[in-house]
Amino acid sequence: MDIVFTFRSTRDAIGGEKSLLDNRLPVSIMPLPSQLGAGCGLCLRVAEADLSAARRLLAAARVAPEGVYSRRQVEDEVIYAPLPPTAPTNSIKT
C-alpha cells in the first residue's frame, strides 16, 4: 500500500515534492487520479512507512495537502481510501 497526497495548487505539489526530496524521503509525483477530484492535477505518492515523516516534512515546509489517501492495488483495480485524522471512511474504487 502507498500513500497519496493531493494539493490545491501545482505550486504546493512541486514545493511538497522538493521538501521531501531535500530530506531524502522517496517520493513520486504523478497525475491526480480523477476519482480524487480535480485539484491541481498532480499528487505525491510515498510509501506507507513514510506517512508520518512525509506529514511532518510537509508541515515544516508549510505545504498543506488538500487530502491524504491510501492507495492499494486489488487485482486489476486501484482503490483509494481517505485517511482523515480521526475516523475511517469508505473507499473510492477505480
Foldseek 3Di string as FASTA:
>chain_A
DKKKFAAQAPVLQVLLVVQCVVVVFDKDKDFDPPLVPDHHRIIIIHHPVCVVVSVVSSVVSVRDTPFMWDWDDDPPKIKTWTDDPPDGDDIGID
